[in-house]
C-alpha atoms as a PDB file:
ATOM      1  CA  MET A   1       0.000   0.000   0.000  1.00  0.00           C
ATOM      2  CA  THR A   2       1.341   3.429  -0.885  1.00  0.00           C
ATOM      3  CA  VAL A   3       1.840   6.232   1.630  1.00  0.00           C
ATOM      4  CA  TYR A   4      -1.077   8.012  -0.011  1.00  0.00           C
ATOM      5  CA  ALA A   5      -3.350   4.991   0.440  1.00  0.00           C
ATOM      6  CA  GLU A   6      -2.217   4.501   4.036  1.00  0.00           C
ATOM      7  CA  SER A   7      -2.926   8.139   4.836  1.00  0.00           C
ATOM      8  CA  PHE A   8      -6.382   7.936   3.268  1.00  0.00           C
ATOM      9  CA  THR A   9      -7.337   4.696   4.998  1.00  0.00           C
ATOM     10  CA  LYS A  10      -6.310   6.077   8.415  1.00  0.00           C
ATOM     11  CA  GLU A  11      -8.996   8.743   8.122  1.00  0.00           C
ATOM     12  CA  SER A  12     -12.479   8.128   9.493  1.00  0.00           C
ATOM     13  CA  PRO A  13     -15.030   6.737   7.027  1.00  0.00           C
ATOM     14  CA  ALA A  14     -16.788  10.108   7.133  1.00  0.00           C
ATOM     15  CA  ARG A  15     -13.625  11.971   6.140  1.00  0.00           C
ATOM     16  CA  GLN A  16     -12.894   9.388   3.446  1.00  0.00           C
ATOM     17  CA  LEU A  17     -16.295  10.100   1.910  1.00  0.00           C
ATOM     18  CA  GLY A  18     -15.618  13.818   2.311  1.00  0.00           C
ATOM     19  CA  ALA A  19     -12.408  13.434   0.302  1.00  0.00           C
ATOM     20  CA  LEU A  20     -14.321  11.505  -2.359  1.00  0.00           C
ATOM     21  CA  ALA A  21     -16.973  14.230  -2.462  1.00  0.00           C
ATOM     22  CA  ALA A  22     -14.301  16.908  -2.857  1.00  0.00           C
ATOM     23  CA  THR A  23     -12.617  15.103  -5.752  1.00  0.00           C
ATOM     24  CA  LEU A  24     -15.975  14.483  -7.440  1.00  0.00           C
ATOM     25  CA  GLY A  25     -16.674  18.195  -7.027  1.00  0.00           C
ATOM     26  CA  ARG A  26     -13.419  18.975  -8.827  1.00  0.00           C
ATOM     27  CA  VAL A  27     -14.452  16.587 -11.614  1.00  0.00           C
ATOM     28  CA  ALA A  28     -17.793  18.388 -11.872  1.00  0.00           C
ATOM     29  CA  SER A  29     -16.209  21.827 -12.089  1.00  0.00           C
ATOM     30  CA  SER A  30     -13.469  20.734 -14.500  1.00  0.00           C
ATOM     31  CA  ALA A  31     -15.427  18.498 -16.882  1.00  0.00           C
ATOM     32  CA  GLU A  32     -17.076  21.320 -18.792  1.00  0.00           C
ATOM     33  CA  LYS A  33     -13.813  23.208 -19.343  1.00  0.00           C
ATOM     34  CA  THR A  34     -11.950  22.024 -22.414  1.00  0.00           C
ATOM     35  CA  THR A  35      -8.742  23.434 -20.942  1.00  0.00           C
ATOM     36  CA  ARG A  36      -9.054  20.983 -18.010  1.00  0.00           C
ATOM     37  CA  ALA A  37      -9.771  17.872 -20.122  1.00  0.00           C
ATOM     38  CA  LYS A  38      -6.400  16.254 -19.386  1.00  0.00           C
ATOM     39  CA  ALA A  39      -6.956  16.585 -15.642  1.00  0.00           C
ATOM     40  CA  ILE A  40     -10.133  14.509 -15.688  1.00  0.00           C
ATOM     41  CA  ILE A  41      -8.626  11.015 -15.992  1.00  0.00           C
ATOM     42  CA  PRO A  42      -6.331  11.406 -12.942  1.00  0.00           C
ATOM     43  CA  MET A  43      -9.280  12.745 -10.940  1.00  0.00           C
ATOM     44  CA  LEU A  44     -11.492   9.853 -12.054  1.00  0.00           C
ATOM     45  CA  ASP A  45      -8.711   7.437 -11.090  1.00  0.00           C
ATOM     46  CA  GLU A  46      -8.469   9.084  -7.675  1.00  0.00           C
ATOM     47  CA  CYS A  47     -12.228   8.753  -7.146  1.00  0.00           C
ATOM     48  CA  ILE A  48     -12.122   5.086  -8.124  1.00  0.00           C
ATOM     49  CA  GLN A  49      -9.264   4.470  -5.687  1.00  0.00           C
ATOM     50  CA  PHE A  50     -11.029   6.336  -2.882  1.00  0.00           C
ATOM     51  CA  ILE A  51     -14.117   4.194  -3.402  1.00  0.00           C
ATOM     52  CA  GLU A  52     -12.095   0.981  -3.375  1.00  0.00           C
ATOM     53  CA  TRP A  53     -10.292   2.000  -0.194  1.00  0.00           C
ATOM     54  CA  THR A  54     -13.440   2.990   1.713  1.00  0.00           C
ATOM     55  CA  LEU A  55     -15.970   0.362   0.608  1.00  0.00           C
ATOM     56  CA  SER A  56     -15.357  -2.041   3.479  1.00  0.00           C
ATOM     57  CA  GLN A  57     -16.004   0.700   6.047  1.00  0.00           C
ATOM     58  CA  GLN A  58     -19.374   1.837   4.717  1.00  0.00           C
ATOM     59  CA  THR A  59     -22.928   0.733   5.375  1.00  0.00           C
ATOM     60  CA  ASP A  60     -24.463  -1.792   2.998  1.00  0.00           C
ATOM     61  CA  ALA A  61     -26.565   0.920   1.331  1.00  0.00           C
ATOM     62  CA  ALA A  62     -23.591   3.242   0.891  1.00  0.00           C
ATOM     63  CA  SER A  63     -21.386   0.390  -0.371  1.00  0.00           C
ATOM     64  CA  LYS A  64     -23.942  -0.582  -2.992  1.00  0.00           C
ATOM     65  CA  GLU A  65     -24.234   2.998  -4.237  1.00  0.00           C
ATOM     66  CA  LEU A  66     -20.461   3.498  -4.202  1.00  0.00           C
ATOM     67  CA  LYS A  67     -19.992   0.326  -6.265  1.00  0.00           C
ATOM     68  CA  ASP A  68     -22.460   1.706  -8.832  1.00  0.00           C
ATOM     69  CA  ILE A  69     -20.627   5.035  -8.883  1.00  0.00           C
ATOM     70  CA  ARG A  70     -17.283   3.252  -9.279  1.00  0.00           C
ATOM     71  CA  PHE A  71     -18.678   1.298 -12.231  1.00  0.00           C
ATOM     72  CA  MET A  72     -19.884   4.497 -13.922  1.00  0.00           C
ATOM     73  CA  LEU A  73     -16.620   6.319 -13.180  1.00  0.00           C
ATOM     74  CA  ASN A  74     -14.762   3.482 -14.909  1.00  0.00           C
ATOM     75  CA  LEU A  75     -17.027   3.875 -17.936  1.00  0.00           C
ATOM     76  CA  TRP A  76     -16.325   7.613 -18.021  1.00  0.00           C
ATOM     77  CA  ARG A  77     -12.611   6.989 -17.656  1.00  0.00           C
ATOM     78  CA  ASP A  78     -12.578   4.479 -20.494  1.00  0.00           C
ATOM     79  CA  GLY A  79     -14.617   6.759 -22.758  1.00  0.00           C
ATOM     80  CA  TRP A  80     -13.106  10.109 -21.820  1.00  0.00           C
ATOM     81  CA  GLU A  81     -10.887  10.363 -24.899  1.00  0.00           C
ATOM     82  CA  HIS A  82     -14.033  10.495 -27.034  1.00  0.00           C
ATOM     83  CA  ALA A  83     -16.279  12.265 -24.526  1.00  0.00           C
ATOM     84  CA  GLN A  84     -13.938  15.205 -23.972  1.00  0.00           C
ATOM     85  CA  THR A  85     -14.554  16.397 -27.512  1.00  0.00           C
ATOM     86  CA  ASP A  86     -18.340  16.527 -27.055  1.00  0.00           C
ATOM     87  CA  GLU A  87     -19.703  19.453 -25.060  1.00  0.00           C
ATOM     88  CA  ARG A  88     -22.889  17.549 -24.174  1.00  0.00           C
ATOM     89  CA  LEU A  89     -20.945  14.614 -22.760  1.00  0.00           C
ATOM     90  CA  ARG A  90     -18.685  16.926 -20.752  1.00  0.00           C
ATOM     91  CA  THR A  91     -21.821  18.564 -19.345  1.00  0.00           C
ATOM     92  CA  LEU A  92     -23.308  15.161 -18.545  1.00  0.00           C
ATOM     93  CA  LEU A  93     -20.193  14.123 -16.618  1.00  0.00           C
ATOM     94  CA  SER A  94     -20.258  17.441 -14.773  1.00  0.00           C
ATOM     95  CA  VAL A  95     -23.890  16.970 -13.719  1.00  0.00           C
ATOM     96  CA  GLN A  96     -23.363  13.340 -12.724  1.00  0.00           C
ATOM     97  CA  ALA A  97     -20.187  14.083 -10.767  1.00  0.00           C
ATOM     98  CA  ARG A  98     -21.974  16.864  -8.863  1.00  0.00           C
ATOM     99  CA  LYS A  99     -24.792  14.445  -7.982  1.00  0.00           C
ATOM    100  CA  TRP A 100     -22.300  11.787  -6.871  1.00  0.00           C
ATOM    101  CA  SER A 101     -20.406  14.369  -4.822  1.00  0.00           C
ATOM    102  CA  ASP A 102     -23.626  15.343  -3.055  1.00  0.00           C
ATOM    103  CA  GLN A 103     -24.413  11.664  -2.402  1.00  0.00           C
ATOM    104  CA  ALA A 104     -20.965  10.984  -0.949  1.00  0.00           C
ATOM    105  CA  LEU A 105     -21.267  14.041   1.279  1.00  0.00           C
ATOM    106  CA  GLU A 106     -24.704  12.917   2.440  1.00  0.00           C
ATOM    107  CA  TYR A 107     -23.418   9.423   3.249  1.00  0.00           C
ATOM    108  CA  SER A 108     -20.472  10.923   5.127  1.00  0.00           C
ATOM    109  CA  GLY A 109     -22.703  12.689   7.646  1.00  0.00           C
ATOM    110  CA  LEU A 110     -20.240  15.585   7.706  1.00  0.00           C
ATOM    111  CA  LEU A 111     -22.922  18.161   6.936  1.00  0.00           C
ATOM    112  CA  ALA A 112     -24.990  17.043   9.920  1.00  0.00           C
ATOM    113  CA  GLN A 113     -22.018  17.609  12.225  1.00  0.00           C
ATOM    114  CA  THR A 114     -21.859  21.349  11.592  1.00  0.00           C
END
């Protein structure tokens, strides 16, 4: 396990989901910008890793949803070379990533703690 993975997995499950939500938020804000197209794949990879590292610490409902999100993130990653040239697809990824970010934040419970 890398130092990065060890650091992530030492965080509470809530903070892990918060980190996922933050990265998904960056995907959402970057996806529509053609100048940020090359940054999307590393961010998608990071989201996929975060999900893999946190799955075992989540509730059954959250784990099921995170697995679905991971599956869709993999599809976006595999198709990004084509999708980045289509404004509608970039917008779709942006909207989906924002929704997923909101879901991860909701599952984290971090908003309820403030």
